[in-house]
N, C-alpha and C. Protein backbone atom coordinates (compact mmCIF):
# COMPACT_ATOMS: atom_id res chain seq x y z
N MET A 1 10.04 4.59 10.76
CA MET A 1 10.60 4.14 9.76
C MET A 1 9.52 2.78 9.39
N SER A 2 8.65 2.26 9.99
CA SER A 2 7.70 1.70 9.33
C SER A 2 6.70 2.33 8.66
N VAL A 3 6.67 3.98 8.82
CA VAL A 3 5.63 4.64 7.93
C VAL A 3 6.46 4.52 6.66
N LYS A 4 7.75 4.86 6.29
CA LYS A 4 8.62 4.48 4.86
C LYS A 4 8.42 3.12 4.64
N HIS A 5 7.95 2.18 5.29
CA HIS A 5 7.76 0.71 4.58
C HIS A 5 6.63 0.62 4.23
N ALA A 6 5.80 1.40 4.61
CA ALA A 6 4.09 1.73 4.05
C ALA A 6 4.32 2.28 2.89
N MET A 7 4.83 3.54 3.39
CA MET A 7 5.22 4.28 1.42
C MET A 7 5.59 3.40 1.08
N ASN A 8 6.50 2.58 1.00
CA ASN A 8 7.45 1.91 -0.17
C ASN A 8 6.23 0.52 -0.85
N LEU A 9 5.11 0.13 0.09
CA LEU A 9 4.46 -0.38 -0.43
C LEU A 9 3.30 0.14 -1.45
N ILE A 10 2.99 1.12 -0.84
CA ILE A 10 2.13 2.05 -1.93
C ILE A 10 2.70 2.67 -3.08
N GLN A 11 3.85 2.97 -2.95
CA GLN A 11 4.69 3.19 -3.92
C GLN A 11 5.15 2.12 -5.24
N ASP A 12 5.20 1.02 -4.44
CA ASP A 12 5.64 -0.14 -5.44
C ASP A 12 4.56 -1.01 -5.79
N ALA A 13 2.90 -0.77 -5.27
CA ALA A 13 1.93 -1.21 -5.46
C ALA A 13 1.51 -0.54 -6.86
N LYS A 14 1.66 0.58 -6.50
CA LYS A 14 1.43 1.47 -7.71
C LYS A 14 1.87 1.31 -8.96
N LYS A 15 3.14 1.12 -9.31
CA LYS A 15 3.92 0.73 -10.47
C LYS A 15 4.08 -0.66 -11.05
N ASN A 16 3.77 -1.61 -9.87
CA ASN A 16 4.62 -2.94 -10.31
C ASN A 16 2.83 -3.75 -10.45
N PHE A 17 2.71 -4.36 -11.54
CA PHE A 17 1.43 -5.03 -11.86
C PHE A 17 1.89 -6.35 -11.27
N ALA A 18 2.93 -7.01 -11.10
CA ALA A 18 3.22 -8.40 -10.78
C ALA A 18 2.90 -8.34 -9.01
N LEU A 19 3.44 -7.13 -8.40
CA LEU A 19 3.43 -7.31 -7.01
C LEU A 19 1.63 -7.31 -6.48
N ARG A 20 1.39 -6.39 -7.13
CA ARG A 20 -0.34 -6.04 -7.13
C ARG A 20 -1.27 -7.63 -7.57
N THR A 21 -0.60 -8.25 -8.76
CA THR A 21 -1.24 -9.74 -8.57
C THR A 21 -1.02 -10.61 -7.80
N LYS A 22 0.11 -10.39 -7.20
CA LYS A 22 0.63 -11.61 -5.99
C LYS A 22 -0.06 -11.08 -4.82
N LEU A 23 -0.38 -9.91 -4.34
CA LEU A 23 -1.17 -9.07 -3.10
C LEU A 23 -2.62 -9.85 -3.77
N ASN A 24 -3.20 -9.65 -4.50
CA ASN A 24 -4.74 -9.84 -4.75
C ASN A 24 -4.95 -11.43 -4.60
N GLY A 25 -3.54 -11.95 -5.01
CA GLY A 25 -3.75 -13.67 -5.07
C GLY A 25 -3.69 -14.17 -3.65
N LEU A 26 -3.19 -13.84 -2.78
CA LEU A 26 -2.73 -14.34 -1.21
C LEU A 26 -4.10 -14.33 -0.48
N SER A 27 -4.50 -15.35 0.18
CA SER A 27 -5.01 -15.43 1.45
C SER A 27 -4.94 -14.52 2.37
N GLN A 28 -6.17 -14.29 3.64
CA GLN A 28 -5.87 -13.33 4.30
C GLN A 28 -4.75 -13.94 5.68
N ASN A 29 -4.64 -15.18 5.44
CA ASN A 29 -3.63 -15.64 6.61
C ASN A 29 -2.02 -15.43 5.91
N GLU A 30 -2.19 -15.58 4.42
CA GLU A 30 -0.96 -15.61 4.03
C GLU A 30 -0.16 -14.02 3.85
N LEU A 31 -1.18 -12.82 3.64
CA LEU A 31 -0.72 -11.75 3.37
C LEU A 31 0.53 -11.03 4.16
N LYS A 32 -0.05 -10.93 5.39
CA LYS A 32 0.67 -10.36 6.69
C LYS A 32 2.07 -10.83 6.69
N PRO A 33 2.24 -12.23 7.02
CA PRO A 33 3.47 -12.75 6.70
C PRO A 33 4.42 -12.42 5.17
N TYR A 34 3.98 -12.24 4.11
CA TYR A 34 4.39 -12.36 2.81
C TYR A 34 4.56 -10.51 3.08
N LEU A 35 4.02 -9.86 3.36
CA LEU A 35 4.41 -8.56 3.51
C LEU A 35 5.73 -8.38 4.34
N TYR A 36 6.06 -8.85 5.83
CA TYR A 36 6.77 -8.96 6.25
C TYR A 36 7.78 -9.37 5.95
N LYS A 37 7.95 -10.66 5.23
CA LYS A 37 8.93 -11.08 5.03
C LYS A 37 9.55 -10.56 3.24
N THR A 38 8.67 -9.62 2.78
CA THR A 38 9.59 -8.93 2.02
C THR A 38 9.75 -7.41 2.39
N GLY A 39 9.75 -7.29 3.57
CA GLY A 39 10.32 -5.79 4.39
C GLY A 39 9.17 -4.74 4.43
N TYR A 40 8.15 -4.85 4.12
CA TYR A 40 6.87 -4.16 4.37
C TYR A 40 6.06 -4.47 5.66
N VAL A 41 6.88 -3.81 6.87
CA VAL A 41 6.46 -4.02 8.02
C VAL A 41 5.73 -2.95 8.54
N PHE A 42 4.81 -2.81 8.97
CA PHE A 42 4.20 -1.30 9.25
C PHE A 42 2.81 -1.91 10.25
N THR A 43 2.52 -0.69 10.79
CA THR A 43 1.10 -0.89 12.01
C THR A 43 -0.25 -0.48 10.43
N PRO A 44 -1.34 -0.43 11.24
CA PRO A 44 -2.19 0.44 10.37
C PRO A 44 -2.38 1.94 10.63
N GLU A 45 -1.84 2.30 11.68
CA GLU A 45 -1.37 3.72 11.70
C GLU A 45 -0.45 4.39 10.76
N ASP A 46 0.54 3.47 10.55
CA ASP A 46 1.64 3.99 9.63
C ASP A 46 0.86 4.14 8.40
N PHE A 47 0.83 2.96 8.03
CA PHE A 47 -0.25 2.90 6.42
C PHE A 47 -1.25 4.29 6.26
N ASP A 48 -1.74 4.80 7.34
CA ASP A 48 -2.75 5.69 7.13
C ASP A 48 -1.77 7.33 7.03
N MET A 49 -0.78 7.06 8.08
CA MET A 49 0.02 8.30 7.67
C MET A 49 0.64 8.26 6.50
N ALA A 50 1.15 6.94 5.91
CA ALA A 50 1.78 7.18 4.55
C ALA A 50 1.04 7.22 3.67
N ALA A 51 -0.64 6.88 3.91
CA ALA A 51 -1.20 7.13 2.63
C ALA A 51 -1.74 8.51 2.39
N ASP A 52 -1.45 9.21 3.69
CA ASP A 52 -2.29 11.05 3.76
C ASP A 52 -1.02 11.58 3.28
N HIS A 53 0.52 11.11 3.65
CA HIS A 53 1.60 11.80 2.79
C HIS A 53 1.51 11.77 1.99
N LEU A 54 1.33 10.75 0.76
CA LEU A 54 1.58 10.44 -0.72
C LEU A 54 0.55 11.10 -1.31
N HIS A 55 -0.83 11.41 -0.85
CA HIS A 55 -1.85 11.97 -1.09
C HIS A 55 -1.62 13.55 -1.40
N MET A 56 -1.03 14.13 -0.04
CA MET A 56 -0.59 15.35 -0.29
C MET A 56 0.15 15.83 -1.64
N GLN A 57 1.17 14.81 -2.00
CA GLN A 57 2.25 15.18 -3.27
C GLN A 57 1.60 15.03 -4.55
N CYS A 58 0.38 14.71 -4.24
CA CYS A 58 -0.62 14.19 -5.89
C CYS A 58 -0.48 15.86 -6.22
N GLN A 59 -0.24 15.84 -7.54
CA GLN A 59 -0.33 17.30 -8.15
C GLN A 59 -1.44 17.73 -9.17
N THR A 60 -2.67 16.38 -9.28
CA THR A 60 -3.78 16.94 -10.14
C THR A 60 -4.84 15.50 -9.70
N TYR A 61 -6.09 16.36 -10.17
CA TYR A 61 -7.13 15.63 -9.54
C TYR A 61 -6.83 13.85 -9.64
N ASN A 62 -6.51 13.69 -11.21
CA ASN A 62 -6.41 12.22 -11.87
C ASN A 62 -5.62 11.38 -10.88
N GLN A 63 -4.34 12.06 -10.37
CA GLN A 63 -3.27 11.78 -9.59
C GLN A 63 -3.74 11.30 -8.24
N ALA A 64 -4.35 12.05 -7.61
CA ALA A 64 -5.29 11.92 -6.30
C ALA A 64 -6.20 10.70 -6.41
N ASP A 65 -7.11 10.66 -7.21
CA ASP A 65 -8.32 9.85 -7.61
C ASP A 65 -7.28 8.31 -7.76
N GLU A 66 -6.11 8.05 -8.52
CA GLU A 66 -5.53 7.08 -8.52
C GLU A 66 -5.08 6.46 -7.45
N HIS A 67 -4.55 7.82 -6.75
CA HIS A 67 -3.91 7.08 -5.76
C HIS A 67 -4.93 6.48 -4.00
N LEU A 68 -6.11 7.39 -4.30
CA LEU A 68 -6.91 6.77 -3.49
C LEU A 68 -7.87 5.73 -3.84
N GLN A 69 -8.04 5.20 -5.03
CA GLN A 69 -8.38 3.82 -5.28
C GLN A 69 -7.71 2.96 -4.74
N LEU A 70 -5.75 3.37 -5.31
CA LEU A 70 -4.94 2.24 -4.87
C LEU A 70 -4.75 2.09 -3.45
N VAL A 71 -5.01 3.22 -2.16
CA VAL A 71 -4.70 2.78 -0.63
C VAL A 71 -6.57 2.39 -0.54
N MET A 72 -7.20 2.41 -1.46
CA MET A 72 -8.63 1.74 -0.53
C MET A 72 -8.61 0.04 -0.98
N TRP A 73 -7.84 -0.07 -2.05
CA TRP A 73 -7.92 -1.56 -2.21
C TRP A 73 -6.89 -2.16 -1.49
N LEU A 74 -5.56 -1.51 -1.03
CA LEU A 74 -4.93 -2.07 -0.18
C LEU A 74 -5.41 -2.20 1.03
N ARG A 75 -6.03 -1.30 1.61
CA ARG A 75 -6.97 -1.67 2.95
C ARG A 75 -7.92 -2.46 3.10
N LEU A 76 -8.63 -2.92 1.81
CA LEU A 76 -9.54 -3.53 1.95
C LEU A 76 -8.75 -5.40 2.32
N LEU A 77 -7.35 -5.28 1.79
CA LEU A 77 -6.69 -6.67 1.41
C LEU A 77 -5.84 -6.47 2.82
N LEU A 78 -5.74 -5.14 3.45
CA LEU A 78 -5.32 -5.73 4.78
C LEU A 78 -6.03 -5.51 5.88
N GLU A 79 -7.19 -5.71 5.81
CA GLU A 79 -8.51 -5.61 6.75
C GLU A 79 -8.37 -7.22 7.36
C-alpha cells in the first residue's frame, strides 16, 4: 500500500505546482511530518519501486526525462 502512496506523491507532484512549491518551502524537519499528515506514507524502498514502475510507463524519451528529473528532485528533498 505504501508503494501506492509514493506513486501518488510522484504523480501529484508532477501535476500540482502548488504541492511542489509547498514541498520545496518546507525544512527537512517539517517535510516528513507534512507528508505523513497528507497521506504520503512510504519507505525509501517503496519510493524507489514507485519511481521505477512509473518510469517504465513513460512512452517517450521526453516523458522519461521529465519523470527522472522530478524523481531526482524528490529524492533530494527526502534525504
